[in-house]
């Protein structure tokens, strides 16, 4: 199992920046995949940016060039630097870890952090 705690959300004007942090309760070095998803009101949860095994990094088209995912294995932490924020980035952002254990992969989620971008 792994517990995830997000922080860094808030209210920002369009064009501004925020950095989200996700601290895991165990080493993230061998986690299969870890990253960020978001859910806006009335919409499905969607992938924002994620590290996958083999050092593959995936971004949603809508955030490419504006958001950057990074990690600090020593701190068991994944970050999401969000620049040039737009009102459509407003959502609850969730940290996710996909972990192998007991013969299968399982998804773990943080509690979410609200990001609100005003126009």
C-alpha atoms as a PDB file:
ATOM      1  CA  UNK A   1       0.000   0.000   0.000  1.00  0.00           C
ATOM      2  CA  UNK A   2       0.968   3.629  -0.369  1.00  0.00           C
ATOM      3  CA  UNK A   3      -0.549   6.810   1.036  1.00  0.00           C
ATOM      4  CA  UNK A   4      -0.362   9.983  -1.035  1.00  0.00           C
ATOM      5  CA  UNK A   5      -0.657  13.541   0.268  1.00  0.00           C
ATOM      6  CA  UNK A   6      -1.032  16.445  -2.142  1.00  0.00           C
ATOM      7  CA  UNK A   7      -0.407  20.107  -1.472  1.00  0.00           C
ATOM      8  CA  UNK A   8       0.086  23.349  -3.358  1.00  0.00           C
ATOM      9  CA  UNK A   9      -3.316  24.075  -4.820  1.00  0.00           C
ATOM     10  CA  UNK A  10      -4.997  27.443  -4.572  1.00  0.00           C
ATOM     11  CA  UNK A  11      -6.491  30.390  -6.392  1.00  0.00           C
ATOM     12  CA  UNK A  12      -4.468  32.079  -9.122  1.00  0.00           C
ATOM     13  CA  UNK A  13      -5.155  34.484 -11.954  1.00  0.00           C
ATOM     14  CA  UNK A  14      -4.946  33.382 -15.565  1.00  0.00           C
ATOM     15  CA  UNK A  15      -1.353  33.379 -16.715  1.00  0.00           C
ATOM     16  CA  UNK A  16      -0.066  32.602 -13.244  1.00  0.00           C
ATOM     17  CA  UNK A  17       1.771  29.587 -11.874  1.00  0.00           C
ATOM     18  CA  UNK A  18       1.368  26.987  -9.164  1.00  0.00           C
ATOM     19  CA  UNK A  19       3.411  23.996  -8.077  1.00  0.00           C
ATOM     20  CA  UNK A  20       1.722  20.917  -6.722  1.00  0.00           C
ATOM     21  CA  UNK A  21       3.510  18.368  -4.564  1.00  0.00           C
ATOM     22  CA  UNK A  22       2.628  14.758  -3.831  1.00  0.00           C
ATOM     23  CA  UNK A  23       4.438  12.970  -1.029  1.00  0.00           C
ATOM     24  CA  UNK A  24       4.245   9.189  -0.935  1.00  0.00           C
ATOM     25  CA  UNK A  25       4.478   7.112   2.231  1.00  0.00           C
ATOM     26  CA  UNK A  26       7.057   4.784   0.686  1.00  0.00           C
ATOM     27  CA  UNK A  27       9.817   4.841  -1.880  1.00  0.00           C
ATOM     28  CA  UNK A  28       8.602   5.844  -5.346  1.00  0.00           C
ATOM     29  CA  UNK A  29      11.672   4.472  -7.068  1.00  0.00           C
ATOM     30  CA  UNK A  30      10.045   1.178  -8.062  1.00  0.00           C
ATOM     31  CA  UNK A  31       6.454   2.345  -8.445  1.00  0.00           C
ATOM     32  CA  UNK A  32       5.066   1.332 -11.837  1.00  0.00           C
ATOM     33  CA  UNK A  33       3.507   4.710 -12.573  1.00  0.00           C
ATOM     34  CA  UNK A  34       2.933   7.928 -10.674  1.00  0.00           C
ATOM     35  CA  UNK A  35       1.508  11.244 -11.629  1.00  0.00           C
ATOM     36  CA  UNK A  36      -1.364  13.673 -11.718  1.00  0.00           C
ATOM     37  CA  UNK A  37      -4.973  13.554 -12.808  1.00  0.00           C
ATOM     38  CA  UNK A  38      -7.670  16.203 -12.551  1.00  0.00           C
ATOM     39  CA  UNK A  39     -11.436  16.389 -12.396  1.00  0.00           C
ATOM     40  CA  UNK A  40     -13.444  19.469 -13.227  1.00  0.00           C
ATOM     41  CA  UNK A  41     -17.085  19.834 -12.141  1.00  0.00           C
ATOM     42  CA  UNK A  42     -19.354  17.709 -14.296  1.00  0.00           C
ATOM     43  CA  UNK A  43     -16.459  16.077 -16.113  1.00  0.00           C
ATOM     44  CA  UNK A  44     -14.621  12.783 -15.895  1.00  0.00           C
ATOM     45  CA  UNK A  45     -11.252  12.494 -14.244  1.00  0.00           C
ATOM     46  CA  UNK A  46      -8.499  12.905 -16.821  1.00  0.00           C
ATOM     47  CA  UNK A  47      -4.775  12.334 -16.998  1.00  0.00           C
ATOM     48  CA  UNK A  48      -2.639  15.452 -16.723  1.00  0.00           C
ATOM     49  CA  UNK A  49       0.932  14.144 -16.516  1.00  0.00           C
ATOM     50  CA  UNK A  50       2.441  10.867 -15.405  1.00  0.00           C
ATOM     51  CA  UNK A  51       5.727   9.020 -15.092  1.00  0.00           C
ATOM     52  CA  UNK A  52       5.544   5.410 -16.255  1.00  0.00           C
ATOM     53  CA  UNK A  53       8.055   2.600 -15.935  1.00  0.00           C
ATOM     54  CA  UNK A  54      11.053   2.996 -18.172  1.00  0.00           C
ATOM     55  CA  UNK A  55      11.196   6.743 -17.475  1.00  0.00           C
ATOM     56  CA  UNK A  56       8.383   7.427 -19.895  1.00  0.00           C
ATOM     57  CA  UNK A  57       6.627  10.743 -19.307  1.00  0.00           C
ATOM     58  CA  UNK A  58       3.160  11.376 -20.680  1.00  0.00           C
ATOM     59  CA  UNK A  59       1.322  14.703 -20.824  1.00  0.00           C
ATOM     60  CA  UNK A  60      -2.207  15.571 -21.832  1.00  0.00           C
ATOM     61  CA  UNK A  61      -2.201  17.579 -25.055  1.00  0.00           C
ATOM     62  CA  UNK A  62      -3.954  20.422 -23.269  1.00  0.00           C
ATOM     63  CA  UNK A  63      -1.030  20.982 -20.876  1.00  0.00           C
ATOM     64  CA  UNK A  64       1.994  20.270 -23.075  1.00  0.00           C
ATOM     65  CA  UNK A  65       4.441  23.136 -22.990  1.00  0.00           C
ATOM     66  CA  UNK A  66       2.826  24.631 -19.879  1.00  0.00           C
ATOM     67  CA  UNK A  67       3.045  21.916 -17.213  1.00  0.00           C
ATOM     68  CA  UNK A  68       6.107  19.964 -16.124  1.00  0.00           C
ATOM     69  CA  UNK A  69       6.134  16.834 -13.989  1.00  0.00           C
ATOM     70  CA  UNK A  70       9.231  16.048 -11.979  1.00  0.00           C
ATOM     71  CA  UNK A  71      10.249  13.767  -9.152  1.00  0.00           C
ATOM     72  CA  UNK A  72      12.617  13.613  -6.203  1.00  0.00           C
ATOM     73  CA  UNK A  73      13.138   9.965  -5.308  1.00  0.00           C
ATOM     74  CA  UNK A  74      15.026  10.850  -2.139  1.00  0.00           C
ATOM     75  CA  UNK A  75      11.957  12.722  -0.852  1.00  0.00           C
ATOM     76  CA  UNK A  76       9.387  10.251  -2.243  1.00  0.00           C
ATOM     77  CA  UNK A  77       7.811  13.247  -3.950  1.00  0.00           C
ATOM     78  CA  UNK A  78       6.379  14.037  -7.355  1.00  0.00           C
ATOM     79  CA  UNK A  79       5.784  17.625  -8.435  1.00  0.00           C
ATOM     80  CA  UNK A  80       3.649  19.324 -11.037  1.00  0.00           C
ATOM     81  CA  UNK A  81       4.814  22.766 -12.089  1.00  0.00           C
ATOM     82  CA  UNK A  82       1.940  24.556 -13.773  1.00  0.00           C
ATOM     83  CA  UNK A  83       2.683  27.701 -15.762  1.00  0.00           C
ATOM     84  CA  UNK A  84       0.535  29.909 -17.990  1.00  0.00           C
ATOM     85  CA  UNK A  85      -2.555  28.678 -16.205  1.00  0.00           C
ATOM     86  CA  UNK A  86      -5.920  29.032 -17.902  1.00  0.00           C
ATOM     87  CA  UNK A  87      -9.439  29.095 -16.449  1.00  0.00           C
ATOM     88  CA  UNK A  88     -10.035  25.702 -18.063  1.00  0.00           C
ATOM     89  CA  UNK A  89      -7.303  24.261 -15.821  1.00  0.00           C
ATOM     90  CA  UNK A  90      -9.642  24.746 -12.867  1.00  0.00           C
ATOM     91  CA  UNK A  91     -10.212  21.353 -11.258  1.00  0.00           C
ATOM     92  CA  UNK A  92      -9.414  19.153  -8.321  1.00  0.00           C
ATOM     93  CA  UNK A  93      -5.988  17.669  -8.939  1.00  0.00           C
ATOM     94  CA  UNK A  94      -5.305  14.164  -7.703  1.00  0.00           C
ATOM     95  CA  UNK A  95      -2.033  12.350  -7.253  1.00  0.00           C
ATOM     96  CA  UNK A  96      -2.034   8.731  -8.388  1.00  0.00           C
ATOM     97  CA  UNK A  97       0.330   5.830  -7.897  1.00  0.00           C
ATOM     98  CA  UNK A  98       0.042   2.502  -9.682  1.00  0.00           C
ATOM     99  CA  UNK A  99       1.791  -0.122  -7.596  1.00  0.00           C
ATOM    100  CA  UNK A 100       2.526  -3.821  -7.998  1.00  0.00           C
ATOM    101  CA  UNK A 101       1.682  -5.960  -5.007  1.00  0.00           C
ATOM    102  CA  UNK A 102      -0.006  -9.248  -4.079  1.00  0.00           C
ATOM    103  CA  UNK A 103       0.070 -10.407  -7.679  1.00  0.00           C
ATOM    104  CA  UNK A 104      -1.577  -7.407  -9.302  1.00  0.00           C
ATOM    105  CA  UNK A 105      -1.336  -3.701 -10.021  1.00  0.00           C
ATOM    106  CA  UNK A 106      -3.427  -1.393  -7.832  1.00  0.00           C
ATOM    107  CA  UNK A 107      -4.195   2.322  -8.041  1.00  0.00           C
ATOM    108  CA  UNK A 108      -3.847   4.603  -5.037  1.00  0.00           C
ATOM    109  CA  UNK A 109      -5.151   8.162  -4.881  1.00  0.00           C
ATOM    110  CA  UNK A 110      -4.525  11.213  -2.772  1.00  0.00           C
ATOM    111  CA  UNK A 111      -7.317  13.305  -1.325  1.00  0.00           C
ATOM    112  CA  UNK A 112      -7.045  15.932  -4.047  1.00  0.00           C
ATOM    113  CA  UNK A 113      -6.121  19.594  -4.051  1.00  0.00           C
ATOM    114  CA  UNK A 114      -8.251  22.344  -5.577  1.00  0.00           C
ATOM    115  CA  UNK A 115      -6.798  24.549  -8.298  1.00  0.00           C
ATOM    116  CA  UNK A 116      -8.891  27.541  -9.324  1.00  0.00           C
ATOM    117  CA  UNK A 117      -7.820  29.844 -12.142  1.00  0.00           C
ATOM    118  CA  UNK A 118      -9.695  33.128 -12.441  1.00  0.00           C
ATOM    119  CA  UNK A 119     -10.040  34.982 -15.724  1.00  0.00           C
END
